[in-house]
Every structure is written in C-alpha cells, then in structure tokens.
C-alpha cells in the first residue's frame, strides 16, 4: 500500500482537474445569453453532479488498485524445470511490483475515508465557484474573459503542483489541460455560432 497523499493535496489536484468543465459551461451560458438566477442554479447543479461523479470514479479507480494482489503462480503444468519456474515467478513478481509502482505514481491519492472523498468534492466544486465569481461583478463578456484568465492562471499554478505529485513534466501537465480547455470551449463557441 502506498503512502497516502495529504487531504490538501487531494483537494488541490481535484481543483486542477475541476477547472475544465466550469469554463466550458460558462462559455456556453455566456454565448447563449442564459445568465440569470435559474442558470446559476443549473450551473451549480451540474457542477455538483460532476463533482460527485468524479469522486465516485476516483474512488472506484483507487479501490480497483488496492484490490491488486501479486499471485504466486506455479508453472509446473507446462513442464518447466524448478530453476525456470523460480526465474519466471521472480520475473512475474518484479513486473507486478513495477506495475504497482507506475499506478502509484499516476494515482493522485489513496481514498480510504470520507475526508478524502469530501476533499475531492470540495476541490471540484471550489474550482467552479472561483470561476463564477467574475459573473457577479462584471458584464457577461468581460466576466467570461476574466474567468478564462483566472482559469489559466490556476491551471498553471496547480499544474506545477500536480506535476510534482505525479512525477510528470510540468509543461506536459499544464499544456494538456490548457489544450483540452481551449479545444472544448472553441468547439462550443463554434457550434453555438452555427446554431445561430
């Protein structure tokens, strides 16, 4: 079992992963002119469902990882000598350990308590709240541009942290998130433009 990532780290990583959907929703709502009290409720309902879905997904992923066991397989049925059996068993054990090491490096946390799950939900939900703040203070188009700026700044800041935790290159982590966000939001604008 790998060491647990702190609750703060779990929350920050969830915040990073939770930035894309809110930016997409805000883009769609702005371009469609949907912003009012009802759309705000709809936005936060979608955000809440998204946070719960991602939390459940992360929980199942981690549970699956924790259920991995190294099995002591024997190779007697295929007629190998004792030396070859031991060699193959050792290779199998080493491969399993290497695989678990890779999974451990890519996993963001070990989720064993309600606090871990709450940290994930809070991380995803907080990302959406932070990006929604400009819409309380500014006109819609200006608010959307401000939300983009805040979102990309947060992606950069939390991206460096995620890269450190997952042992990935910061540029790859940040560039991937920025690229996904840009493509999704651009596609949304393009589709809305075609519909109008």
N, C-alpha and C. Protein backbone atom coordinates (compact mmCIF):
# COMPACT_ATOMS: atom_id res chain seq x y z
N UNK A 1 0.85 -1.18 0.00
CA UNK A 1 0.00 0.00 0.00
C UNK A 1 0.89 1.23 0.00
N UNK A 2 0.62 2.17 -0.91
CA UNK A 2 1.46 3.36 -1.00
C UNK A 2 1.06 4.40 0.03
N UNK A 3 1.98 5.32 0.36
CA UNK A 3 1.66 6.34 1.33
C UNK A 3 0.52 7.21 0.86
N UNK A 4 -0.31 7.65 1.78
CA UNK A 4 -1.46 8.47 1.42
C UNK A 4 -1.02 9.88 1.10
N UNK A 5 -1.65 10.45 0.08
CA UNK A 5 -1.46 11.85 -0.23
C UNK A 5 -2.29 12.65 0.76
N UNK A 6 -1.79 13.81 1.18
CA UNK A 6 -2.50 14.61 2.18
C UNK A 6 -3.83 15.10 1.63
N UNK A 7 -4.75 15.42 2.54
CA UNK A 7 -6.06 15.93 2.13
C UNK A 7 -5.92 17.21 1.32
N UNK A 8 -4.96 18.06 1.72
CA UNK A 8 -4.73 19.31 1.00
C UNK A 8 -4.32 19.02 -0.45
N UNK A 9 -3.44 18.05 -0.63
CA UNK A 9 -3.00 17.67 -1.98
C UNK A 9 -4.15 17.12 -2.80
N UNK A 10 -4.98 16.28 -2.18
CA UNK A 10 -6.14 15.73 -2.87
C UNK A 10 -7.05 16.86 -3.34
N UNK A 11 -7.29 17.84 -2.47
CA UNK A 11 -8.14 18.97 -2.83
C UNK A 11 -7.56 19.80 -3.96
N UNK A 12 -6.24 20.06 -3.91
CA UNK A 12 -5.58 20.86 -4.96
C UNK A 12 -5.63 20.14 -6.30
N UNK A 13 -5.35 18.85 -6.29
CA UNK A 13 -5.38 18.09 -7.53
C UNK A 13 -6.79 18.02 -8.11
N UNK A 14 -7.78 17.91 -7.25
CA UNK A 14 -9.17 17.91 -7.71
C UNK A 14 -9.55 19.28 -8.25
N UNK A 15 -9.06 20.34 -7.60
CA UNK A 15 -9.29 21.70 -8.09
C UNK A 15 -8.74 21.84 -9.51
N UNK A 16 -7.52 21.35 -9.73
CA UNK A 16 -6.90 21.41 -11.06
C UNK A 16 -7.76 20.69 -12.09
N UNK A 17 -8.16 19.46 -11.75
CA UNK A 17 -8.96 18.67 -12.69
C UNK A 17 -10.36 19.25 -12.89
N UNK A 18 -10.82 20.03 -11.91
CA UNK A 18 -12.17 20.57 -11.96
C UNK A 18 -12.31 21.90 -12.67
N UNK A 19 -11.24 22.40 -13.27
CA UNK A 19 -11.30 23.72 -13.92
C UNK A 19 -11.91 23.67 -15.32
N UNK A 20 -11.82 22.54 -16.00
CA UNK A 20 -12.23 22.48 -17.41
C UNK A 20 -13.73 22.61 -17.59
N UNK A 21 -14.53 21.79 -16.89
CA UNK A 21 -15.97 21.82 -17.08
C UNK A 21 -16.60 23.19 -16.77
N UNK A 22 -16.24 23.84 -15.65
CA UNK A 22 -16.82 25.16 -15.39
C UNK A 22 -16.53 26.18 -16.49
N UNK A 23 -15.32 26.16 -17.03
CA UNK A 23 -15.00 27.08 -18.13
C UNK A 23 -15.86 26.78 -19.36
N UNK A 24 -16.08 25.51 -19.61
CA UNK A 24 -16.93 25.13 -20.75
C UNK A 24 -18.37 25.58 -20.52
N UNK A 25 -18.91 25.32 -19.32
CA UNK A 25 -20.28 25.74 -19.01
C UNK A 25 -20.44 27.25 -19.08
N UNK A 26 -19.48 27.97 -18.53
CA UNK A 26 -19.56 29.44 -18.55
C UNK A 26 -19.50 29.98 -19.97
N UNK A 27 -18.71 29.33 -20.81
CA UNK A 27 -18.64 29.73 -22.23
C UNK A 27 -19.99 29.53 -22.90
N UNK A 28 -20.58 28.36 -22.69
CA UNK A 28 -21.88 28.05 -23.31
C UNK A 28 -22.96 28.99 -22.81
N UNK A 29 -23.04 29.20 -21.49
CA UNK A 29 -24.07 30.08 -20.93
C UNK A 29 -23.92 31.51 -21.43
N UNK A 30 -22.69 31.98 -21.51
CA UNK A 30 -22.45 33.36 -21.95
C UNK A 30 -22.84 33.53 -23.42
N UNK A 31 -22.40 32.61 -24.25
CA UNK A 31 -22.67 32.72 -25.69
C UNK A 31 -24.15 32.55 -26.01
N UNK A 32 -24.86 31.81 -25.17
CA UNK A 32 -26.30 31.63 -25.38
C UNK A 32 -27.12 32.70 -24.67
N UNK A 33 -26.46 33.51 -23.85
CA UNK A 33 -27.15 34.57 -23.12
C UNK A 33 -28.08 34.03 -22.05
N UNK A 34 -27.66 32.97 -21.38
CA UNK A 34 -28.50 32.28 -20.42
C UNK A 34 -28.36 32.78 -18.98
N UNK A 35 -27.53 33.77 -18.75
CA UNK A 35 -27.23 34.09 -17.36
C UNK A 35 -28.38 34.80 -16.66
N UNK A 36 -28.92 34.11 -15.65
CA UNK A 36 -29.93 34.65 -14.75
C UNK A 36 -29.93 33.76 -13.50
N UNK A 37 -30.88 33.97 -12.61
CA UNK A 37 -30.92 33.19 -11.37
C UNK A 37 -31.07 31.70 -11.64
N UNK A 38 -31.93 31.36 -12.61
CA UNK A 38 -32.15 29.95 -12.93
C UNK A 38 -30.91 29.29 -13.50
N UNK A 39 -30.19 30.01 -14.38
CA UNK A 39 -28.99 29.43 -14.98
C UNK A 39 -27.90 29.23 -13.94
N UNK A 40 -27.84 30.13 -12.95
CA UNK A 40 -26.86 29.97 -11.87
C UNK A 40 -27.14 28.69 -11.08
N UNK A 41 -28.43 28.43 -10.81
CA UNK A 41 -28.79 27.20 -10.10
C UNK A 41 -28.44 25.97 -10.95
N UNK A 42 -28.75 26.06 -12.25
CA UNK A 42 -28.46 24.97 -13.16
C UNK A 42 -26.95 24.72 -13.22
N UNK A 43 -26.17 25.79 -13.26
CA UNK A 43 -24.70 25.71 -13.29
C UNK A 43 -24.18 24.95 -12.08
N UNK A 44 -24.66 25.32 -10.90
CA UNK A 44 -24.17 24.69 -9.67
C UNK A 44 -24.69 23.27 -9.49
N UNK A 45 -25.87 22.97 -10.04
CA UNK A 45 -26.37 21.60 -10.01
C UNK A 45 -25.48 20.70 -10.87
N UNK A 46 -25.18 21.16 -12.09
CA UNK A 46 -24.29 20.39 -12.97
C UNK A 46 -22.92 20.22 -12.31
N UNK A 47 -22.44 21.30 -11.72
CA UNK A 47 -21.14 21.27 -11.05
C UNK A 47 -21.13 20.24 -9.91
N UNK A 48 -22.20 20.23 -9.13
CA UNK A 48 -22.30 19.28 -8.02
C UNK A 48 -22.35 17.84 -8.50
N UNK A 49 -23.14 17.59 -9.55
CA UNK A 49 -23.22 16.24 -10.11
C UNK A 49 -21.88 15.80 -10.68
N UNK A 50 -21.21 16.72 -11.33
CA UNK A 50 -19.88 16.44 -11.89
C UNK A 50 -18.89 16.09 -10.78
N UNK A 51 -18.91 16.87 -9.70
CA UNK A 51 -18.01 16.61 -8.57
C UNK A 51 -18.28 15.24 -7.97
N UNK A 52 -19.57 14.91 -7.79
CA UNK A 52 -19.92 13.59 -7.24
C UNK A 52 -19.51 12.46 -8.17
N UNK A 53 -19.72 12.65 -9.48
CA UNK A 53 -19.37 11.61 -10.45
C UNK A 53 -17.87 11.38 -10.47
N UNK A 54 -17.08 12.46 -10.46
CA UNK A 54 -15.64 12.31 -10.48
C UNK A 54 -15.11 11.70 -9.18
N UNK A 55 -15.74 12.05 -8.07
CA UNK A 55 -15.35 11.47 -6.79
C UNK A 55 -15.59 9.97 -6.79
N UNK A 56 -16.77 9.56 -7.27
CA UNK A 56 -17.11 8.14 -7.33
C UNK A 56 -16.16 7.41 -8.27
N UNK A 57 -15.84 8.04 -9.40
CA UNK A 57 -14.91 7.45 -10.37
C UNK A 57 -13.53 7.26 -9.75
N UNK A 58 -13.04 8.28 -9.05
CA UNK A 58 -11.73 8.19 -8.40
C UNK A 58 -11.73 7.11 -7.33
N UNK A 59 -12.83 7.02 -6.60
CA UNK A 59 -12.95 6.01 -5.54
C UNK A 59 -12.87 4.59 -6.14
N UNK A 60 -13.61 4.37 -7.24
CA UNK A 60 -13.60 3.05 -7.86
C UNK A 60 -12.23 2.71 -8.43
N UNK A 61 -11.57 3.72 -9.02
CA UNK A 61 -10.23 3.51 -9.56
C UNK A 61 -9.26 3.10 -8.46
N UNK A 62 -9.31 3.82 -7.35
CA UNK A 62 -8.41 3.52 -6.25
C UNK A 62 -8.74 2.17 -5.61
N UNK A 63 -10.03 1.86 -5.50
CA UNK A 63 -10.43 0.57 -4.93
C UNK A 63 -9.91 -0.56 -5.79
N UNK A 64 -10.00 -0.39 -7.11
CA UNK A 64 -9.51 -1.41 -8.03
C UNK A 64 -8.01 -1.59 -7.85
N UNK A 65 -7.28 -0.48 -7.69
CA UNK A 65 -5.84 -0.55 -7.48
C UNK A 65 -5.51 -1.26 -6.17
N UNK A 66 -6.26 -0.95 -5.12
CA UNK A 66 -5.98 -1.56 -3.82
C UNK A 66 -6.29 -3.05 -3.80
N UNK A 67 -7.16 -3.50 -4.71
CA UNK A 67 -7.51 -4.91 -4.77
C UNK A 67 -6.50 -5.76 -5.54
N UNK A 68 -5.49 -5.07 -6.17
CA UNK A 68 -4.48 -5.82 -6.91
C UNK A 68 -3.65 -6.65 -5.94
N UNK A 69 -3.43 -7.88 -6.28
CA UNK A 69 -2.56 -8.72 -5.46
C UNK A 69 -1.57 -9.43 -6.36
N UNK A 70 -0.42 -9.71 -5.82
CA UNK A 70 0.57 -10.47 -6.57
C UNK A 70 0.33 -11.94 -6.29
N UNK A 71 0.02 -12.66 -7.31
CA UNK A 71 -0.31 -14.07 -7.15
C UNK A 71 0.95 -14.93 -7.36
N UNK A 72 1.15 -15.88 -6.49
CA UNK A 72 2.27 -16.80 -6.62
C UNK A 72 1.88 -17.94 -7.56
N UNK A 73 2.07 -17.66 -8.84
CA UNK A 73 1.68 -18.65 -9.84
C UNK A 73 2.76 -19.72 -9.95
N UNK A 74 2.34 -20.93 -10.25
CA UNK A 74 3.30 -22.00 -10.50
C UNK A 74 3.24 -22.40 -11.95
N UNK A 75 4.33 -22.93 -12.42
CA UNK A 75 4.42 -23.26 -13.85
C UNK A 75 4.68 -24.75 -14.04
N UNK A 76 4.27 -25.55 -13.05
CA UNK A 76 4.53 -26.99 -13.13
C UNK A 76 3.77 -27.65 -14.26
N UNK A 77 2.59 -27.10 -14.58
CA UNK A 77 1.74 -27.75 -15.57
C UNK A 77 2.28 -27.64 -17.00
N UNK A 78 3.29 -26.81 -17.21
CA UNK A 78 3.82 -26.68 -18.58
C UNK A 78 5.19 -27.33 -18.71
N UNK A 79 5.60 -28.09 -17.70
CA UNK A 79 6.79 -28.92 -17.80
C UNK A 79 8.11 -28.18 -17.68
N UNK A 80 8.16 -27.07 -16.94
CA UNK A 80 9.41 -26.34 -16.77
C UNK A 80 10.18 -26.91 -15.58
N UNK A 81 11.47 -26.74 -15.64
CA UNK A 81 12.30 -27.17 -14.52
C UNK A 81 12.08 -26.25 -13.34
N UNK A 82 12.51 -26.70 -12.17
CA UNK A 82 12.36 -25.90 -10.95
C UNK A 82 13.07 -24.56 -11.08
N UNK A 83 14.24 -24.56 -11.71
CA UNK A 83 15.02 -23.32 -11.90
C UNK A 83 14.26 -22.33 -12.76
N UNK A 84 13.68 -22.84 -13.86
CA UNK A 84 12.91 -21.96 -14.74
C UNK A 84 11.65 -21.45 -14.05
N UNK A 85 11.01 -22.32 -13.26
CA UNK A 85 9.83 -21.89 -12.50
C UNK A 85 10.16 -20.72 -11.59
N UNK A 86 11.25 -20.87 -10.85
CA UNK A 86 11.64 -19.82 -9.91
C UNK A 86 12.00 -18.53 -10.63
N UNK A 87 12.67 -18.67 -11.78
CA UNK A 87 13.06 -17.49 -12.55
C UNK A 87 11.82 -16.76 -13.08
N UNK A 88 10.86 -17.52 -13.65
CA UNK A 88 9.64 -16.91 -14.17
C UNK A 88 8.81 -16.29 -13.06
N UNK A 89 8.75 -16.97 -11.91
CA UNK A 89 8.00 -16.43 -10.78
C UNK A 89 8.62 -15.12 -10.31
N UNK A 90 9.94 -15.08 -10.24
CA UNK A 90 10.63 -13.85 -9.82
C UNK A 90 10.37 -12.72 -10.80
N UNK A 91 10.43 -13.02 -12.10
CA UNK A 91 10.16 -12.01 -13.12
C UNK A 91 8.72 -11.51 -13.00
N UNK A 92 7.80 -12.45 -12.75
CA UNK A 92 6.39 -12.08 -12.61
C UNK A 92 6.19 -11.14 -11.42
N UNK A 93 6.81 -11.47 -10.30
CA UNK A 93 6.70 -10.64 -9.10
C UNK A 93 7.29 -9.25 -9.35
N UNK A 94 8.43 -9.19 -10.03
CA UNK A 94 9.07 -7.91 -10.32
C UNK A 94 8.21 -7.07 -11.25
N UNK A 95 7.60 -7.71 -12.26
CA UNK A 95 6.71 -6.98 -13.17
C UNK A 95 5.51 -6.43 -12.43
N UNK A 96 4.94 -7.24 -11.54
CA UNK A 96 3.79 -6.78 -10.76
C UNK A 96 4.17 -5.59 -9.88
N UNK A 97 5.34 -5.66 -9.25
CA UNK A 97 5.80 -4.56 -8.41
C UNK A 97 6.03 -3.30 -9.23
N UNK A 98 6.61 -3.47 -10.42
CA UNK A 98 6.86 -2.32 -11.29
C UNK A 98 5.53 -1.70 -11.74
N UNK A 99 4.57 -2.56 -12.07
CA UNK A 99 3.25 -2.08 -12.48
C UNK A 99 2.58 -1.31 -11.35
N UNK A 100 2.63 -1.84 -10.14
CA UNK A 100 2.04 -1.16 -8.99
C UNK A 100 2.74 0.17 -8.73
N UNK A 101 4.05 0.21 -8.96
CA UNK A 101 4.80 1.46 -8.79
C UNK A 101 4.31 2.51 -9.78
N UNK A 102 4.10 2.09 -11.04
CA UNK A 102 3.60 3.02 -12.07
C UNK A 102 2.22 3.53 -11.69
N UNK A 103 1.34 2.61 -11.27
CA UNK A 103 -0.01 3.00 -10.86
C UNK A 103 0.05 3.98 -9.70
N UNK A 104 0.94 3.70 -8.75
CA UNK A 104 1.07 4.55 -7.57
C UNK A 104 1.53 5.94 -7.95
N UNK A 105 2.43 6.04 -8.92
CA UNK A 105 2.93 7.35 -9.34
C UNK A 105 1.86 8.15 -10.06
N UNK A 106 1.00 7.44 -10.80
CA UNK A 106 -0.03 8.14 -11.56
C UNK A 106 -1.28 8.44 -10.74
N UNK A 107 -1.49 7.68 -9.66
CA UNK A 107 -2.66 7.91 -8.82
C UNK A 107 -2.48 9.19 -8.04
N UNK A 108 -3.54 9.92 -7.85
CA UNK A 108 -3.44 11.18 -7.11
C UNK A 108 -3.56 11.00 -5.62
N UNK A 109 -4.21 9.92 -5.17
CA UNK A 109 -4.37 9.74 -3.72
C UNK A 109 -4.91 8.36 -3.42
N UNK A 110 -4.81 7.96 -2.17
CA UNK A 110 -5.45 6.74 -1.71
C UNK A 110 -6.68 7.14 -0.92
N UNK A 111 -7.84 6.67 -1.35
CA UNK A 111 -9.07 7.15 -0.75
C UNK A 111 -9.61 6.11 0.22
N UNK A 112 -9.36 6.32 1.49
CA UNK A 112 -9.78 5.34 2.48
C UNK A 112 -10.81 5.91 3.45
N UNK A 113 -11.08 7.19 3.38
CA UNK A 113 -12.01 7.75 4.36
C UNK A 113 -12.95 8.76 3.70
N UNK A 114 -13.95 9.13 4.45
CA UNK A 114 -14.92 10.12 3.99
C UNK A 114 -14.25 11.48 3.80
N UNK A 115 -13.18 11.73 4.54
CA UNK A 115 -12.47 13.01 4.42
C UNK A 115 -11.79 13.13 3.06
N UNK A 116 -11.24 12.02 2.56
CA UNK A 116 -10.63 12.03 1.23
C UNK A 116 -11.67 12.35 0.16
N UNK A 117 -12.83 11.69 0.26
CA UNK A 117 -13.89 11.90 -0.71
C UNK A 117 -14.42 13.33 -0.63
N UNK A 118 -14.55 13.85 0.59
CA UNK A 118 -15.01 15.23 0.77
C UNK A 118 -14.01 16.21 0.17
N UNK A 119 -12.72 15.93 0.29
CA UNK A 119 -11.69 16.81 -0.27
C UNK A 119 -11.78 16.86 -1.79
N UNK A 120 -12.12 15.74 -2.41
CA UNK A 120 -12.27 15.71 -3.87
C UNK A 120 -13.48 16.54 -4.29
N UNK A 121 -14.61 16.30 -3.64
CA UNK A 121 -15.82 17.06 -3.96
C UNK A 121 -15.57 18.55 -3.79
N UNK A 122 -14.94 18.91 -2.68
CA UNK A 122 -14.66 20.32 -2.39
C UNK A 122 -13.73 20.92 -3.44
N UNK A 123 -12.73 20.15 -3.86
CA UNK A 123 -11.79 20.64 -4.87
C UNK A 123 -12.48 20.95 -6.18
N UNK A 124 -13.31 20.01 -6.66
CA UNK A 124 -14.03 20.21 -7.92
C UNK A 124 -15.02 21.37 -7.81
N UNK A 125 -15.74 21.40 -6.71
CA UNK A 125 -16.78 22.42 -6.55
C UNK A 125 -16.17 23.82 -6.38
N UNK A 126 -15.06 23.90 -5.65
CA UNK A 126 -14.40 25.20 -5.44
C UNK A 126 -13.91 25.78 -6.76
N UNK A 127 -13.41 24.94 -7.64
CA UNK A 127 -12.96 25.42 -8.96
C UNK A 127 -14.09 26.13 -9.68
N UNK A 128 -15.29 25.53 -9.64
CA UNK A 128 -16.45 26.15 -10.29
C UNK A 128 -16.87 27.44 -9.64
N UNK A 129 -16.80 27.51 -8.31
CA UNK A 129 -17.18 28.73 -7.60
C UNK A 129 -16.22 29.87 -7.92
N UNK A 130 -14.92 29.58 -7.88
CA UNK A 130 -13.91 30.61 -8.16
C UNK A 130 -14.12 31.20 -9.56
N UNK A 131 -14.39 30.34 -10.54
CA UNK A 131 -14.57 30.82 -11.91
C UNK A 131 -15.88 31.55 -12.11
N UNK A 132 -16.84 31.33 -11.22
CA UNK A 132 -18.15 32.01 -11.35
C UNK A 132 -18.15 33.41 -10.74
N UNK A 133 -17.22 33.70 -9.86
CA UNK A 133 -17.18 34.99 -9.16
C UNK A 133 -17.22 36.20 -10.10
N UNK A 134 -16.44 36.23 -11.21
CA UNK A 134 -16.49 37.40 -12.10
C UNK A 134 -17.88 37.72 -12.63
N UNK A 135 -18.76 36.72 -12.73
CA UNK A 135 -20.10 36.94 -13.27
C UNK A 135 -21.01 37.67 -12.28
N UNK A 136 -20.61 37.72 -11.03
CA UNK A 136 -21.32 38.52 -10.03
C UNK A 136 -20.88 39.98 -10.09
N UNK A 137 -19.70 40.23 -10.65
CA UNK A 137 -19.10 41.56 -10.57
C UNK A 137 -19.03 42.30 -11.90
N UNK A 138 -19.02 41.57 -13.02
CA UNK A 138 -18.77 42.19 -14.32
C UNK A 138 -19.85 41.83 -15.33
N UNK A 139 -19.82 42.53 -16.47
CA UNK A 139 -20.70 42.17 -17.58
C UNK A 139 -20.29 40.80 -18.12
N UNK A 140 -21.23 40.13 -18.79
CA UNK A 140 -21.01 38.74 -19.17
C UNK A 140 -19.75 38.50 -19.99
N UNK A 141 -19.56 39.25 -21.07
CA UNK A 141 -18.40 39.02 -21.94
C UNK A 141 -17.10 39.31 -21.21
N UNK A 142 -17.08 40.41 -20.44
CA UNK A 142 -15.88 40.75 -19.65
C UNK A 142 -15.65 39.69 -18.57
N UNK A 143 -16.74 39.23 -17.96
CA UNK A 143 -16.65 38.21 -16.92
C UNK A 143 -16.08 36.91 -17.49
N UNK A 144 -16.49 36.56 -18.72
CA UNK A 144 -16.01 35.33 -19.34
C UNK A 144 -14.50 35.41 -19.60
N UNK A 145 -14.05 36.55 -20.12
CA UNK A 145 -12.61 36.74 -20.36
C UNK A 145 -11.84 36.67 -19.05
N UNK A 146 -12.40 37.30 -18.01
CA UNK A 146 -11.77 37.26 -16.69
C UNK A 146 -11.73 35.84 -16.15
N UNK A 147 -12.81 35.08 -16.35
CA UNK A 147 -12.85 33.68 -15.90
C UNK A 147 -11.78 32.85 -16.62
N UNK A 148 -11.61 33.13 -17.94
CA UNK A 148 -10.55 32.44 -18.69
C UNK A 148 -9.19 32.73 -18.08
N UNK A 149 -8.92 34.00 -17.82
CA UNK A 149 -7.62 34.40 -17.26
C UNK A 149 -7.39 33.74 -15.91
N UNK A 150 -8.41 33.80 -15.05
CA UNK A 150 -8.29 33.17 -13.73
C UNK A 150 -8.07 31.66 -13.89
N UNK A 151 -8.85 31.05 -14.78
CA UNK A 151 -8.74 29.61 -15.01
C UNK A 151 -7.35 29.21 -15.47
N UNK A 152 -6.80 29.93 -16.45
CA UNK A 152 -5.49 29.57 -16.97
C UNK A 152 -4.38 29.83 -15.95
N UNK A 153 -4.53 30.88 -15.15
CA UNK A 153 -3.56 31.13 -14.07
C UNK A 153 -3.62 29.99 -13.05
N UNK A 154 -4.84 29.58 -12.70
CA UNK A 154 -4.99 28.47 -11.74
C UNK A 154 -4.46 27.15 -12.31
N UNK A 155 -4.65 26.94 -13.62
CA UNK A 155 -4.12 25.74 -14.26
C UNK A 155 -2.60 25.72 -14.15
N UNK A 156 -1.97 26.87 -14.38
CA UNK A 156 -0.51 26.94 -14.31
C UNK A 156 -0.02 26.68 -12.88
N UNK A 157 -0.64 27.36 -11.91
CA UNK A 157 -0.20 27.23 -10.52
C UNK A 157 -0.40 25.80 -10.01
N UNK A 158 -1.63 25.30 -10.15
CA UNK A 158 -1.90 23.95 -9.64
C UNK A 158 -1.29 22.87 -10.54
N UNK A 159 -1.03 23.21 -11.80
CA UNK A 159 -0.40 22.26 -12.71
C UNK A 159 1.02 21.92 -12.27
N UNK A 160 1.76 22.93 -11.80
CA UNK A 160 3.10 22.67 -11.28
C UNK A 160 3.04 21.72 -10.09
N UNK A 161 2.03 21.93 -9.24
CA UNK A 161 1.88 21.07 -8.06
C UNK A 161 1.52 19.64 -8.46
N UNK A 162 0.59 19.52 -9.43
CA UNK A 162 0.20 18.19 -9.89
C UNK A 162 1.38 17.47 -10.53
N UNK A 163 2.19 18.21 -11.30
CA UNK A 163 3.36 17.61 -11.94
C UNK A 163 4.33 17.06 -10.89
N UNK A 164 4.49 17.81 -9.81
CA UNK A 164 5.39 17.37 -8.74
C UNK A 164 4.86 16.10 -8.07
N UNK A 165 3.56 16.06 -7.79
CA UNK A 165 2.96 14.92 -7.12
C UNK A 165 2.99 13.66 -8.00
N UNK A 166 2.71 13.83 -9.29
CA UNK A 166 2.60 12.68 -10.20
C UNK A 166 3.90 12.37 -10.94
N UNK A 167 4.96 13.12 -10.65
CA UNK A 167 6.27 12.91 -11.29
C UNK A 167 6.21 13.06 -12.80
N UNK A 168 5.39 13.99 -13.26
CA UNK A 168 5.32 14.32 -14.68
C UNK A 168 5.99 15.66 -14.94
N UNK A 169 6.26 15.94 -16.20
CA UNK A 169 6.86 17.22 -16.55
C UNK A 169 5.79 18.32 -16.46
N UNK A 170 6.08 19.43 -15.78
CA UNK A 170 5.07 20.50 -15.61
C UNK A 170 4.48 21.00 -16.92
N UNK A 171 5.35 21.17 -17.94
CA UNK A 171 4.86 21.69 -19.22
C UNK A 171 3.81 20.75 -19.82
N UNK A 172 4.05 19.43 -19.72
CA UNK A 172 3.11 18.47 -20.28
C UNK A 172 1.76 18.54 -19.55
N UNK A 173 1.81 18.60 -18.23
CA UNK A 173 0.57 18.65 -17.43
C UNK A 173 -0.22 19.91 -17.75
N UNK A 174 0.46 21.05 -17.74
CA UNK A 174 -0.21 22.34 -17.97
C UNK A 174 -0.69 22.45 -19.41
N UNK A 175 0.18 22.11 -20.36
CA UNK A 175 -0.17 22.23 -21.78
C UNK A 175 -1.36 21.35 -22.14
N UNK A 176 -1.40 20.14 -21.58
CA UNK A 176 -2.51 19.22 -21.86
C UNK A 176 -3.83 19.81 -21.38
N UNK A 177 -3.84 20.34 -20.16
CA UNK A 177 -5.07 20.91 -19.60
C UNK A 177 -5.51 22.15 -20.39
N UNK A 178 -4.55 23.02 -20.70
CA UNK A 178 -4.86 24.24 -21.47
C UNK A 178 -5.39 23.85 -22.85
N UNK A 179 -4.77 22.85 -23.47
CA UNK A 179 -5.19 22.42 -24.81
C UNK A 179 -6.62 21.87 -24.78
N UNK A 180 -6.90 20.98 -23.83
CA UNK A 180 -8.25 20.43 -23.71
C UNK A 180 -9.28 21.53 -23.50
N UNK A 181 -8.97 22.45 -22.59
CA UNK A 181 -9.90 23.54 -22.28
C UNK A 181 -10.15 24.41 -23.51
N UNK A 182 -9.07 24.76 -24.19
CA UNK A 182 -9.18 25.62 -25.38
C UNK A 182 -9.99 24.94 -26.48
N UNK A 183 -9.72 23.67 -26.72
CA UNK A 183 -10.43 22.94 -27.77
C UNK A 183 -11.92 22.83 -27.44
N UNK A 184 -12.24 22.45 -26.22
CA UNK A 184 -13.65 22.29 -25.83
C UNK A 184 -14.41 23.60 -25.90
N UNK A 185 -13.82 24.67 -25.37
CA UNK A 185 -14.50 25.97 -25.39
C UNK A 185 -14.64 26.50 -26.81
N UNK A 186 -13.62 26.31 -27.63
CA UNK A 186 -13.67 26.76 -29.03
C UNK A 186 -14.74 26.00 -29.80
N UNK A 187 -14.81 24.69 -29.56
CA UNK A 187 -15.84 23.89 -30.22
C UNK A 187 -17.24 24.34 -29.80
N UNK A 188 -17.39 24.66 -28.51
CA UNK A 188 -18.70 25.12 -28.02
C UNK A 188 -19.09 26.43 -28.69
N UNK A 189 -18.15 27.37 -28.79
CA UNK A 189 -18.43 28.65 -29.44
C UNK A 189 -18.78 28.44 -30.90
N UNK A 190 -18.03 27.57 -31.57
CA UNK A 190 -18.26 27.29 -32.99
C UNK A 190 -19.64 26.69 -33.23
N UNK A 191 -20.01 25.71 -32.40
CA UNK A 191 -21.33 25.06 -32.55
C UNK A 191 -22.45 26.05 -32.29
N UNK A 192 -22.29 26.88 -31.26
CA UNK A 192 -23.32 27.89 -30.96
C UNK A 192 -23.43 28.89 -32.10
N UNK A 193 -22.29 29.26 -32.69
CA UNK A 193 -22.28 30.19 -33.83
C UNK A 193 -23.03 29.57 -35.01
N UNK A 194 -22.83 28.28 -35.26
CA UNK A 194 -23.53 27.60 -36.36
C UNK A 194 -25.03 27.55 -36.09
N UNK A 195 -25.41 27.33 -34.83
CA UNK A 195 -26.82 27.25 -34.48
C UNK A 195 -27.52 28.59 -34.66
N UNK A 196 -26.78 29.67 -34.44
CA UNK A 196 -27.38 30.99 -34.60
C UNK A 196 -27.32 31.46 -36.04
